[in-house]
mmCIF file of all heavy atoms, coordinates in Angstrom:
data_MODEL
# 
_entry.id   MODEL 
# 
loop_
_atom_site.group_PDB 
_atom_site.id 
_atom_site.type_symbol 
_atom_site.label_atom_id 
_atom_site.label_alt_id 
_atom_site.label_comp_id 
_atom_site.label_asym_id 
_atom_site.label_entity_id 
_atom_site.label_seq_id 
_atom_site.pdbx_PDB_ins_code 
_atom_site.Cartn_x 
_atom_site.Cartn_y 
_atom_site.Cartn_z 
_atom_site.occupancy 
_atom_site.B_iso_or_equiv 
_atom_site.pdbx_formal_charge 
_atom_site.auth_seq_id 
_atom_site.auth_comp_id 
_atom_site.auth_asym_id 
_atom_site.auth_atom_id 
_atom_site.pdbx_PDB_model_num 
ATOM 1   N N   . PHE A 1 1  ? -11.410 -15.532 -16.959 1.00 0.00 ? 1  PHE A N   1 
ATOM 2   C CA  . PHE A 1 1  ? -12.755 -15.634 -17.116 1.00 0.00 ? 1  PHE A CA  1 
ATOM 3   C C   . PHE A 1 1  ? -13.095 -16.904 -17.876 1.00 0.00 ? 1  PHE A C   1 
ATOM 4   O O   . PHE A 1 1  ? -12.183 -17.347 -18.761 1.00 0.00 ? 1  PHE A O   1 
ATOM 5   C CB  . PHE A 1 1  ? -13.389 -14.487 -17.940 1.00 0.00 ? 1  PHE A CB  1 
ATOM 6   C CG  . PHE A 1 1  ? -13.293 -13.112 -17.237 1.00 0.00 ? 1  PHE A CG  1 
ATOM 7   C CD1 . PHE A 1 1  ? -12.206 -12.294 -17.254 1.00 0.00 ? 1  PHE A CD1 1 
ATOM 8   C CD2 . PHE A 1 1  ? -14.472 -12.712 -16.611 1.00 0.00 ? 1  PHE A CD2 1 
ATOM 9   C CE1 . PHE A 1 1  ? -12.238 -11.004 -16.616 1.00 0.00 ? 1  PHE A CE1 1 
ATOM 10  C CE2 . PHE A 1 1  ? -14.428 -11.466 -15.879 1.00 0.00 ? 1  PHE A CE2 1 
ATOM 11  C CZ  . PHE A 1 1  ? -13.326 -10.707 -15.913 1.00 0.00 ? 1  PHE A CZ  1 
ATOM 12  N N   . ASP A 1 2  ? -14.207 -17.632 -17.583 1.00 0.00 ? 2  ASP A N   1 
ATOM 13  C CA  . ASP A 1 2  ? -14.664 -18.803 -18.303 1.00 0.00 ? 2  ASP A CA  1 
ATOM 14  C C   . ASP A 1 2  ? -15.998 -18.472 -18.840 1.00 0.00 ? 2  ASP A C   1 
ATOM 15  O O   . ASP A 1 2  ? -17.010 -18.269 -18.237 1.00 0.00 ? 2  ASP A O   1 
ATOM 16  C CB  . ASP A 1 2  ? -14.776 -19.947 -17.343 1.00 0.00 ? 2  ASP A CB  1 
ATOM 17  C CG  . ASP A 1 2  ? -13.608 -20.554 -16.913 1.00 0.00 ? 2  ASP A CG  1 
ATOM 18  O OD1 . ASP A 1 2  ? -12.582 -20.362 -17.656 1.00 0.00 ? 2  ASP A OD1 1 
ATOM 19  O OD2 . ASP A 1 2  ? -13.450 -21.133 -15.814 1.00 0.00 ? 2  ASP A OD2 1 
ATOM 20  N N   . ASN A 1 3  ? -16.042 -18.328 -20.265 1.00 0.00 ? 3  ASN A N   1 
ATOM 21  C CA  . ASN A 1 3  ? -17.347 -17.991 -20.949 1.00 0.00 ? 3  ASN A CA  1 
ATOM 22  C C   . ASN A 1 3  ? -17.930 -16.619 -20.398 1.00 0.00 ? 3  ASN A C   1 
ATOM 23  O O   . ASN A 1 3  ? -19.201 -16.587 -20.175 1.00 0.00 ? 3  ASN A O   1 
ATOM 24  C CB  . ASN A 1 3  ? -18.350 -19.147 -20.959 1.00 0.00 ? 3  ASN A CB  1 
ATOM 25  C CG  . ASN A 1 3  ? -17.828 -20.232 -21.636 1.00 0.00 ? 3  ASN A CG  1 
ATOM 26  O OD1 . ASN A 1 3  ? -17.043 -20.207 -22.582 1.00 0.00 ? 3  ASN A OD1 1 
ATOM 27  N ND2 . ASN A 1 3  ? -18.126 -21.415 -21.121 1.00 0.00 ? 3  ASN A ND2 1 
ATOM 28  N N   . GLY A 1 4  ? -17.218 -15.655 -20.111 1.00 0.00 ? 4  GLY A N   1 
ATOM 29  C CA  . GLY A 1 4  ? -17.586 -14.411 -19.622 1.00 0.00 ? 4  GLY A CA  1 
ATOM 30  C C   . GLY A 1 4  ? -17.906 -14.322 -18.041 1.00 0.00 ? 4  GLY A C   1 
ATOM 31  O O   . GLY A 1 4  ? -18.309 -13.325 -17.518 1.00 0.00 ? 4  GLY A O   1 
ATOM 32  N N   . VAL A 1 5  ? -17.704 -15.438 -17.480 1.00 0.00 ? 5  VAL A N   1 
ATOM 33  C CA  . VAL A 1 5  ? -17.864 -15.533 -15.959 1.00 0.00 ? 5  VAL A CA  1 
ATOM 34  C C   . VAL A 1 5  ? -16.489 -15.486 -15.275 1.00 0.00 ? 5  VAL A C   1 
ATOM 35  O O   . VAL A 1 5  ? -15.717 -16.407 -15.721 1.00 0.00 ? 5  VAL A O   1 
ATOM 36  C CB  . VAL A 1 5  ? -18.749 -16.661 -15.542 1.00 0.00 ? 5  VAL A CB  1 
ATOM 37  C CG1 . VAL A 1 5  ? -18.865 -16.788 -14.016 1.00 0.00 ? 5  VAL A CG1 1 
ATOM 38  C CG2 . VAL A 1 5  ? -20.203 -16.656 -16.264 1.00 0.00 ? 5  VAL A CG2 1 
ATOM 39  N N   . ALA A 1 6  ? -16.361 -14.708 -14.256 1.00 0.00 ? 6  ALA A N   1 
ATOM 40  C CA  . ALA A 1 6  ? -15.007 -14.807 -13.658 1.00 0.00 ? 6  ALA A CA  1 
ATOM 41  C C   . ALA A 1 6  ? -14.766 -15.946 -12.860 1.00 0.00 ? 6  ALA A C   1 
ATOM 42  O O   . ALA A 1 6  ? -15.652 -16.499 -12.267 1.00 0.00 ? 6  ALA A O   1 
ATOM 43  C CB  . ALA A 1 6  ? -14.976 -13.476 -12.809 1.00 0.00 ? 6  ALA A CB  1 
ATOM 44  N N   . ARG A 1 7  ? -13.537 -16.329 -12.703 1.00 0.00 ? 7  ARG A N   1 
ATOM 45  C CA  . ARG A 1 7  ? -13.274 -17.626 -11.933 1.00 0.00 ? 7  ARG A CA  1 
ATOM 46  C C   . ARG A 1 7  ? -13.279 -17.283 -10.439 1.00 0.00 ? 7  ARG A C   1 
ATOM 47  O O   . ARG A 1 7  ? -13.595 -18.086 -9.615  1.00 0.00 ? 7  ARG A O   1 
ATOM 48  C CB  . ARG A 1 7  ? -11.780 -17.918 -12.299 1.00 0.00 ? 7  ARG A CB  1 
ATOM 49  C CG  . ARG A 1 7  ? -11.662 -18.766 -13.604 1.00 0.00 ? 7  ARG A CG  1 
ATOM 50  C CD  . ARG A 1 7  ? -12.084 -20.252 -13.657 1.00 0.00 ? 7  ARG A CD  1 
ATOM 51  N NE  . ARG A 1 7  ? -11.892 -20.856 -12.538 1.00 0.00 ? 7  ARG A NE  1 
ATOM 52  C CZ  . ARG A 1 7  ? -10.760 -21.622 -12.203 1.00 0.00 ? 7  ARG A CZ  1 
ATOM 53  N NH1 . ARG A 1 7  ? -9.850  -21.847 -13.080 1.00 0.00 ? 7  ARG A NH1 1 
ATOM 54  N NH2 . ARG A 1 7  ? -10.722 -22.456 -11.266 1.00 0.00 ? 7  ARG A NH2 1 
ATOM 55  N N   . VAL A 1 8  ? -13.054 -15.908 -10.067 1.00 0.00 ? 8  VAL A N   1 
ATOM 56  C CA  . VAL A 1 8  ? -12.928 -15.479 -8.704  1.00 0.00 ? 8  VAL A CA  1 
ATOM 57  C C   . VAL A 1 8  ? -14.455 -14.972 -8.439  1.00 0.00 ? 8  VAL A C   1 
ATOM 58  O O   . VAL A 1 8  ? -15.070 -14.088 -9.070  1.00 0.00 ? 8  VAL A O   1 
ATOM 59  C CB  . VAL A 1 8  ? -12.096 -14.315 -8.538  1.00 0.00 ? 8  VAL A CB  1 
ATOM 60  C CG1 . VAL A 1 8  ? -12.242 -13.680 -7.092  1.00 0.00 ? 8  VAL A CG1 1 
ATOM 61  C CG2 . VAL A 1 8  ? -10.543 -14.591 -8.860  1.00 0.00 ? 8  VAL A CG2 1 
ATOM 62  N N   . HIS A 1 9  ? -15.090 -15.783 -7.528  1.00 0.00 ? 9  HIS A N   1 
ATOM 63  C CA  . HIS A 1 9  ? -16.420 -15.410 -7.078  1.00 0.00 ? 9  HIS A CA  1 
ATOM 64  C C   . HIS A 1 9  ? -16.417 -14.608 -5.913  1.00 0.00 ? 9  HIS A C   1 
ATOM 65  O O   . HIS A 1 9  ? -17.225 -13.607 -5.789  1.00 0.00 ? 9  HIS A O   1 
ATOM 66  C CB  . HIS A 1 9  ? -17.279 -16.749 -6.960  1.00 0.00 ? 9  HIS A CB  1 
ATOM 67  C CG  . HIS A 1 9  ? -17.486 -17.518 -8.111  1.00 0.00 ? 9  HIS A CG  1 
ATOM 68  N ND1 . HIS A 1 9  ? -18.337 -17.188 -9.164  1.00 0.00 ? 9  HIS A ND1 1 
ATOM 69  C CD2 . HIS A 1 9  ? -16.856 -18.614 -8.598  1.00 0.00 ? 9  HIS A CD2 1 
ATOM 70  C CE1 . HIS A 1 9  ? -18.335 -17.907 -10.127 1.00 0.00 ? 9  HIS A CE1 1 
ATOM 71  N NE2 . HIS A 1 9  ? -17.426 -18.905 -9.788  1.00 0.00 ? 9  HIS A NE2 1 
ATOM 72  N N   . ASP A 1 10 ? -15.618 -14.952 -4.886  1.00 0.00 ? 10 ASP A N   1 
ATOM 73  C CA  . ASP A 1 10 ? -15.547 -14.147 -3.599  1.00 0.00 ? 10 ASP A CA  1 
ATOM 74  C C   . ASP A 1 10 ? -14.258 -14.505 -2.943  1.00 0.00 ? 10 ASP A C   1 
ATOM 75  O O   . ASP A 1 10 ? -13.548 -15.476 -3.267  1.00 0.00 ? 10 ASP A O   1 
ATOM 76  C CB  . ASP A 1 10 ? -16.820 -14.495 -2.791  1.00 0.00 ? 10 ASP A CB  1 
ATOM 77  C CG  . ASP A 1 10 ? -16.994 -13.343 -1.753  1.00 0.00 ? 10 ASP A CG  1 
ATOM 78  O OD1 . ASP A 1 10 ? -16.227 -12.326 -1.820  1.00 0.00 ? 10 ASP A OD1 1 
ATOM 79  O OD2 . ASP A 1 10 ? -17.860 -13.525 -1.051  1.00 0.00 ? 10 ASP A OD2 1 
ATOM 80  N N   . VAL A 1 11 ? -13.746 -13.511 -2.140  1.00 0.00 ? 11 VAL A N   1 
ATOM 81  C CA  . VAL A 1 11 ? -12.637 -13.854 -1.234  1.00 0.00 ? 11 VAL A CA  1 
ATOM 82  C C   . VAL A 1 11 ? -13.054 -13.369 0.168   1.00 0.00 ? 11 VAL A C   1 
ATOM 83  O O   . VAL A 1 11 ? -13.895 -12.600 0.444   1.00 0.00 ? 11 VAL A O   1 
ATOM 84  C CB  . VAL A 1 11 ? -11.474 -12.918 -1.692  1.00 0.00 ? 11 VAL A CB  1 
ATOM 85  C CG1 . VAL A 1 11 ? -10.976 -13.396 -3.094  1.00 0.00 ? 11 VAL A CG1 1 
ATOM 86  C CG2 . VAL A 1 11 ? -11.735 -11.512 -1.635  1.00 0.00 ? 11 VAL A CG2 1 
ATOM 87  N N   . LYS A 1 12 ? -12.310 -14.009 1.067   1.00 0.00 ? 12 LYS A N   1 
ATOM 88  C CA  . LYS A 1 12 ? -12.479 -13.642 2.596   1.00 0.00 ? 12 LYS A CA  1 
ATOM 89  C C   . LYS A 1 12 ? -11.238 -13.607 3.242   1.00 0.00 ? 12 LYS A C   1 
ATOM 90  O O   . LYS A 1 12 ? -10.375 -14.578 3.265   1.00 0.00 ? 12 LYS A O   1 
ATOM 91  C CB  . LYS A 1 12 ? -13.402 -14.680 3.230   1.00 0.00 ? 12 LYS A CB  1 
ATOM 92  C CG  . LYS A 1 12 ? -13.652 -14.299 4.634   1.00 0.00 ? 12 LYS A CG  1 
ATOM 93  C CD  . LYS A 1 12 ? -14.567 -15.304 5.363   1.00 0.00 ? 12 LYS A CD  1 
ATOM 94  C CE  . LYS A 1 12 ? -14.653 -15.034 6.907   1.00 0.00 ? 12 LYS A CE  1 
ATOM 95  N NZ  . LYS A 1 12 ? -15.309 -16.063 7.571   1.00 0.00 ? 12 LYS A NZ  1 
ATOM 96  N N   . ARG A 1 13 ? -10.778 -12.541 3.726   1.00 0.00 ? 13 ARG A N   1 
ATOM 97  C CA  . ARG A 1 13 ? -9.617  -12.204 4.428   1.00 0.00 ? 13 ARG A CA  1 
ATOM 98  C C   . ARG A 1 13 ? -9.652  -12.902 5.890   1.00 0.00 ? 13 ARG A C   1 
ATOM 99  O O   . ARG A 1 13 ? -10.692 -12.752 6.577   1.00 0.00 ? 13 ARG A O   1 
ATOM 100 C CB  . ARG A 1 13 ? -9.282  -10.791 4.650   1.00 0.00 ? 13 ARG A CB  1 
ATOM 101 C CG  . ARG A 1 13 ? -7.910  -10.537 5.314   1.00 0.00 ? 13 ARG A CG  1 
ATOM 102 C CD  . ARG A 1 13 ? -6.951  -10.603 4.298   1.00 0.00 ? 13 ARG A CD  1 
ATOM 103 N NE  . ARG A 1 13 ? -5.748  -9.808  4.839   1.00 0.00 ? 13 ARG A NE  1 
ATOM 104 C CZ  . ARG A 1 13 ? -4.579  -10.345 5.238   1.00 0.00 ? 13 ARG A CZ  1 
ATOM 105 N NH1 . ARG A 1 13 ? -4.370  -11.658 5.085   1.00 0.00 ? 13 ARG A NH1 1 
ATOM 106 N NH2 . ARG A 1 13 ? -3.613  -9.681  5.536   1.00 0.00 ? 13 ARG A NH2 1 
ATOM 107 N N   . ILE A 1 14 ? -8.697  -13.644 6.268   1.00 0.00 ? 14 ILE A N   1 
ATOM 108 C CA  . ILE A 1 14 ? -8.748  -14.533 7.562   1.00 0.00 ? 14 ILE A CA  1 
ATOM 109 C C   . ILE A 1 14 ? -7.886  -13.599 8.536   1.00 0.00 ? 14 ILE A C   1 
ATOM 110 O O   . ILE A 1 14 ? -8.251  -13.307 9.629   1.00 0.00 ? 14 ILE A O   1 
ATOM 111 C CB  . ILE A 1 14 ? -8.372  -15.896 7.432   1.00 0.00 ? 14 ILE A CB  1 
ATOM 112 C CG1 . ILE A 1 14 ? -9.366  -16.642 6.449   1.00 0.00 ? 14 ILE A CG1 1 
ATOM 113 C CG2 . ILE A 1 14 ? -8.291  -16.524 8.781   1.00 0.00 ? 14 ILE A CG2 1 
ATOM 114 C CD1 . ILE A 1 14 ? -9.005  -18.022 6.114   1.00 0.00 ? 14 ILE A CD1 1 
ATOM 115 N N   . SER A 1 15 ? -6.441  -13.718 8.300   1.00 0.00 ? 15 SER A N   1 
ATOM 116 C CA  . SER A 1 15 ? -5.510  -13.134 9.239   1.00 0.00 ? 15 SER A CA  1 
ATOM 117 C C   . SER A 1 15 ? -5.445  -11.652 8.846   1.00 0.00 ? 15 SER A C   1 
ATOM 118 O O   . SER A 1 15 ? -5.291  -11.275 7.626   1.00 0.00 ? 15 SER A O   1 
ATOM 119 C CB  . SER A 1 15 ? -4.164  -13.739 8.928   1.00 0.00 ? 15 SER A CB  1 
ATOM 120 O OG  . SER A 1 15 ? -3.273  -13.320 10.035  1.00 0.00 ? 15 SER A OG  1 
ATOM 121 N N   . LYS A 1 16 ? -5.561  -10.777 9.770   1.00 0.00 ? 16 LYS A N   1 
ATOM 122 C CA  . LYS A 1 16 ? -5.501  -9.310  9.518   1.00 0.00 ? 16 LYS A CA  1 
ATOM 123 C C   . LYS A 1 16 ? -4.276  -8.762  10.332  1.00 0.00 ? 16 LYS A C   1 
ATOM 124 O O   . LYS A 1 16 ? -3.878  -9.382  11.346  1.00 0.00 ? 16 LYS A O   1 
ATOM 125 C CB  . LYS A 1 16 ? -6.776  -8.609  9.987   1.00 0.00 ? 16 LYS A CB  1 
ATOM 126 C CG  . LYS A 1 16 ? -8.011  -9.181  9.385   1.00 0.00 ? 16 LYS A CG  1 
ATOM 127 C CD  . LYS A 1 16 ? -9.295  -8.692  10.002  1.00 0.00 ? 16 LYS A CD  1 
ATOM 128 C CE  . LYS A 1 16 ? -10.503 -9.369  9.497   1.00 0.00 ? 16 LYS A CE  1 
ATOM 129 N NZ  . LYS A 1 16 ? -11.698 -9.056  10.054  1.00 0.00 ? 16 LYS A NZ  1 
ATOM 130 N N   . PRO A 1 17 ? -4.018  -7.474  10.080  1.00 0.00 ? 17 PRO A N   1 
ATOM 131 C CA  . PRO A 1 17 ? -2.857  -6.819  10.843  1.00 0.00 ? 17 PRO A CA  1 
ATOM 132 C C   . PRO A 1 17 ? -3.314  -6.693  12.288  1.00 0.00 ? 17 PRO A C   1 
ATOM 133 O O   . PRO A 1 17 ? -2.428  -6.812  13.202  1.00 0.00 ? 17 PRO A O   1 
ATOM 134 C CB  . PRO A 1 17 ? -2.822  -5.469  10.265  1.00 0.00 ? 17 PRO A CB  1 
ATOM 135 C CG  . PRO A 1 17 ? -3.229  -5.592  8.829   1.00 0.00 ? 17 PRO A CG  1 
ATOM 136 C CD  . PRO A 1 17 ? -4.309  -6.663  8.885   1.00 0.00 ? 17 PRO A CD  1 
ATOM 137 N N   . SER A 1 18 ? -4.541  -6.710  12.583  1.00 0.00 ? 18 SER A N   1 
ATOM 138 C CA  . SER A 1 18 ? -4.981  -6.541  14.058  1.00 0.00 ? 18 SER A CA  1 
ATOM 139 C C   . SER A 1 18 ? -5.204  -7.886  14.757  1.00 0.00 ? 18 SER A C   1 
ATOM 140 O O   . SER A 1 18 ? -5.068  -7.946  15.992  1.00 0.00 ? 18 SER A O   1 
ATOM 141 C CB  . SER A 1 18 ? -6.357  -5.854  14.100  1.00 0.00 ? 18 SER A CB  1 
ATOM 142 O OG  . SER A 1 18 ? -7.395  -6.590  13.391  1.00 0.00 ? 18 SER A OG  1 
ATOM 143 N N   . LYS A 1 19 ? -5.252  -8.964  13.914  1.00 0.00 ? 19 LYS A N   1 
ATOM 144 C CA  . LYS A 1 19 ? -5.398  -10.334 14.598  1.00 0.00 ? 19 LYS A CA  1 
ATOM 145 C C   . LYS A 1 19 ? -4.898  -11.320 13.576  1.00 0.00 ? 19 LYS A C   1 
ATOM 146 O O   . LYS A 1 19 ? -5.456  -11.637 12.634  1.00 0.00 ? 19 LYS A O   1 
ATOM 147 C CB  . LYS A 1 19 ? -6.817  -10.696 14.827  1.00 0.00 ? 19 LYS A CB  1 
ATOM 148 C CG  . LYS A 1 19 ? -7.029  -11.977 15.541  1.00 0.00 ? 19 LYS A CG  1 
ATOM 149 C CD  . LYS A 1 19 ? -8.545  -12.169 15.761  1.00 0.00 ? 19 LYS A CD  1 
ATOM 150 C CE  . LYS A 1 19 ? -8.532  -13.761 16.435  1.00 0.00 ? 19 LYS A CE  1 
ATOM 151 N NZ  . LYS A 1 19 ? -9.953  -14.152 16.510  1.00 0.00 ? 19 LYS A NZ  1 
ATOM 152 N N   . ARG A 1 20 ? -3.644  -11.913 13.949  1.00 0.00 ? 20 ARG A N   1 
ATOM 153 C CA  . ARG A 1 20 ? -3.093  -12.892 13.214  1.00 0.00 ? 20 ARG A CA  1 
ATOM 154 C C   . ARG A 1 20 ? -3.774  -14.256 13.459  1.00 0.00 ? 20 ARG A C   1 
ATOM 155 O O   . ARG A 1 20 ? -3.924  -14.675 14.646  1.00 0.00 ? 20 ARG A O   1 
ATOM 156 C CB  . ARG A 1 20 ? -1.564  -13.019 13.406  1.00 0.00 ? 20 ARG A CB  1 
ATOM 157 C CG  . ARG A 1 20 ? -0.839  -11.749 13.049  1.00 0.00 ? 20 ARG A CG  1 
ATOM 158 C CD  . ARG A 1 20 ? -0.861  -11.409 11.679  1.00 0.00 ? 20 ARG A CD  1 
ATOM 159 N NE  . ARG A 1 20 ? -0.143  -10.113 11.458  1.00 0.00 ? 20 ARG A NE  1 
ATOM 160 C CZ  . ARG A 1 20 ? -0.029  -9.534  10.229  1.00 0.00 ? 20 ARG A CZ  1 
ATOM 161 N NH1 . ARG A 1 20 ? -0.573  -10.206 9.164   1.00 0.00 ? 20 ARG A NH1 1 
ATOM 162 N NH2 . ARG A 1 20 ? 0.598   -8.478  10.038  1.00 0.00 ? 20 ARG A NH2 1 
ATOM 163 N N   . VAL A 1 21 ? -4.113  -15.173 12.435  1.00 0.00 ? 21 VAL A N   1 
ATOM 164 C CA  . VAL A 1 21 ? -4.546  -16.467 12.645  1.00 0.00 ? 21 VAL A CA  1 
ATOM 165 C C   . VAL A 1 21 ? -3.660  -17.498 12.119  1.00 0.00 ? 21 VAL A C   1 
ATOM 166 O O   . VAL A 1 21 ? -3.167  -17.385 10.944  1.00 0.00 ? 21 VAL A O   1 
ATOM 167 C CB  . VAL A 1 21 ? -5.992  -16.471 11.971  1.00 0.00 ? 21 VAL A CB  1 
ATOM 168 C CG1 . VAL A 1 21 ? -6.592  -17.837 12.124  1.00 0.00 ? 21 VAL A CG1 1 
ATOM 169 C CG2 . VAL A 1 21 ? -6.922  -15.418 12.518  1.00 0.00 ? 21 VAL A CG2 1 
ATOM 170 N N   . TYR A 1 22 ? -3.274  -18.492 12.865  1.00 0.00 ? 22 TYR A N   1 
ATOM 171 C CA  . TYR A 1 22 ? -2.318  -19.521 12.436  1.00 0.00 ? 22 TYR A CA  1 
ATOM 172 C C   . TYR A 1 22 ? -3.071  -20.875 12.362  1.00 0.00 ? 22 TYR A C   1 
ATOM 173 O O   . TYR A 1 22 ? -3.799  -21.131 13.361  1.00 0.00 ? 22 TYR A O   1 
ATOM 174 C CB  . TYR A 1 22 ? -1.084  -19.420 13.440  1.00 0.00 ? 22 TYR A CB  1 
ATOM 175 C CG  . TYR A 1 22 ? -0.344  -18.201 13.289  1.00 0.00 ? 22 TYR A CG  1 
ATOM 176 C CD1 . TYR A 1 22 ? -0.586  -17.292 14.223  1.00 0.00 ? 22 TYR A CD1 1 
ATOM 177 C CD2 . TYR A 1 22 ? 0.696   -18.075 12.306  1.00 0.00 ? 22 TYR A CD2 1 
ATOM 178 C CE1 . TYR A 1 22 ? 0.139   -16.053 14.039  1.00 0.00 ? 22 TYR A CE1 1 
ATOM 179 C CE2 . TYR A 1 22 ? 1.259   -16.879 12.161  1.00 0.00 ? 22 TYR A CE2 1 
ATOM 180 C CZ  . TYR A 1 22 ? 1.127   -15.909 13.108  1.00 0.00 ? 22 TYR A CZ  1 
ATOM 181 O OH  . TYR A 1 22 ? 1.848   -14.645 13.103  1.00 0.00 ? 22 TYR A OH  1 
ATOM 182 N N   . TYR A 1 23 ? -2.688  -21.685 11.367  1.00 0.00 ? 23 TYR A N   1 
ATOM 183 C CA  . TYR A 1 23 ? -3.339  -23.005 11.306  1.00 0.00 ? 23 TYR A CA  1 
ATOM 184 C C   . TYR A 1 23 ? -2.234  -23.944 11.364  1.00 0.00 ? 23 TYR A C   1 
ATOM 185 O O   . TYR A 1 23 ? -1.207  -23.911 10.737  1.00 0.00 ? 23 TYR A O   1 
ATOM 186 C CB  . TYR A 1 23 ? -3.997  -23.180 9.991   1.00 0.00 ? 23 TYR A CB  1 
ATOM 187 C CG  . TYR A 1 23 ? -5.369  -22.559 9.857   1.00 0.00 ? 23 TYR A CG  1 
ATOM 188 C CD1 . TYR A 1 23 ? -5.909  -21.733 10.912  1.00 0.00 ? 23 TYR A CD1 1 
ATOM 189 C CD2 . TYR A 1 23 ? -6.243  -22.730 8.739   1.00 0.00 ? 23 TYR A CD2 1 
ATOM 190 C CE1 . TYR A 1 23 ? -7.153  -21.199 10.744  1.00 0.00 ? 23 TYR A CE1 1 
ATOM 191 C CE2 . TYR A 1 23 ? -7.480  -22.145 8.582   1.00 0.00 ? 23 TYR A CE2 1 
ATOM 192 C CZ  . TYR A 1 23 ? -7.936  -21.416 9.612   1.00 0.00 ? 23 TYR A CZ  1 
ATOM 193 O OH  . TYR A 1 23 ? -9.160  -20.833 9.533   1.00 0.00 ? 23 TYR A OH  1 
ATOM 194 N N   . SER A 1 24 ? -2.418  -25.125 12.133  1.00 0.00 ? 24 SER A N   1 
ATOM 195 C CA  . SER A 1 24 ? -1.533  -26.230 12.077  1.00 0.00 ? 24 SER A CA  1 
ATOM 196 C C   . SER A 1 24 ? -2.045  -27.080 10.941  1.00 0.00 ? 24 SER A C   1 
ATOM 197 O O   . SER A 1 24 ? -3.039  -26.838 10.196  1.00 0.00 ? 24 SER A O   1 
ATOM 198 C CB  . SER A 1 24 ? -1.553  -26.900 13.365  1.00 0.00 ? 24 SER A CB  1 
ATOM 199 O OG  . SER A 1 24 ? -2.815  -27.577 13.435  1.00 0.00 ? 24 SER A OG  1 
# 
């Protein structure tokens, strides 16, 4: 936390068990 505000604002899952996503 920074001054009571969390450093993590949001997350988004890209690769899932049903669909793997690969980046070069």
